[in-house]
Amino acid sequence: MPMMDLTIIARYETYAYSYTEYCMRRYFYESFEAELPQEISKTEDWQLISEYIKAQDL
């Protein structure tokens, strides 16, 4: 049998720090087809997200 060459892929940049943040960012992208900045999503503050939506005219 041929030998398998296993390599380790470098870890990608963290998309979210919690499952809640991940869900928020995914929901936001699916709803507005735009990415929510991580500085906003990591706060998990829906009021701040709402203000961002209004400011970006989404």
Protein backbone atom coordinates (compact mmCIF):
# COMPACT_ATOMS: atom_id res chain seq x y z
CA MET A 1 0.00 0.00 0.00
CA PRO A 2 1.17 3.55 -0.66
CA MET A 3 2.30 5.67 2.27
CA MET A 4 -0.01 8.50 3.26
CA ASP A 5 1.51 11.91 3.74
CA LEU A 6 -0.42 13.69 6.47
CA THR A 7 0.14 17.39 6.89
CA ILE A 8 -1.20 19.86 9.39
CA ILE A 9 -3.00 22.90 8.06
CA ALA A 10 -2.30 26.10 9.94
CA ARG A 11 -5.24 27.31 12.01
CA TYR A 12 -7.42 29.88 10.32
CA GLU A 13 -8.22 33.23 11.89
CA THR A 14 -10.93 32.88 14.53
CA TYR A 15 -14.34 33.62 13.08
CA ALA A 16 -16.12 33.79 16.43
CA TYR A 17 -15.18 33.40 20.07
CA SER A 18 -18.47 31.82 21.19
CA TYR A 19 -21.29 29.84 19.68
CA THR A 20 -23.68 32.76 20.26
CA GLU A 21 -21.36 35.12 18.38
CA TYR A 22 -21.07 32.60 15.55
CA CYS A 23 -24.86 32.35 15.29
CA MET A 24 -25.21 36.14 15.30
CA ARG A 25 -22.65 36.58 12.54
CA ARG A 26 -24.14 33.82 10.43
CA TYR A 27 -27.69 35.18 10.86
CA PHE A 28 -26.48 38.67 9.99
CA TYR A 29 -24.73 37.47 6.84
CA GLU A 30 -27.72 35.43 5.70
CA SER A 31 -30.08 38.35 6.36
CA PHE A 32 -28.08 41.26 4.96
CA GLU A 33 -25.45 39.62 2.73
CA ALA A 34 -22.85 41.62 4.62
CA GLU A 35 -20.39 40.65 7.31
CA LEU A 36 -20.88 41.97 10.82
CA PRO A 37 -17.58 43.31 12.21
CA GLN A 38 -16.21 41.12 14.98
CA GLU A 39 -15.74 44.15 17.26
CA ILE A 40 -19.54 44.46 17.29
CA SER A 41 -20.51 40.79 17.26
CA LYS A 42 -18.25 39.81 20.16
CA THR A 43 -20.18 42.19 22.43
CA GLU A 44 -23.34 40.13 21.73
CA ASP A 45 -25.27 43.40 22.15
CA TRP A 46 -28.36 43.43 19.89
CA GLN A 47 -28.84 47.18 20.43
CA LEU A 48 -25.34 47.89 19.10
CA ILE A 49 -26.01 45.59 16.14
CA SER A 50 -29.27 47.41 15.42
CA GLU A 51 -27.43 50.75 15.45
CA TYR A 52 -24.84 49.32 13.06
CA ILE A 53 -27.59 48.17 10.67
CA LYS A 54 -29.12 51.66 10.65
CA ALA A 55 -25.73 53.35 10.22
CA GLN A 56 -24.85 51.08 7.26
CA ASP A 57 -28.34 51.53 5.74
CA LEU A 58 -28.81 47.77 5.44
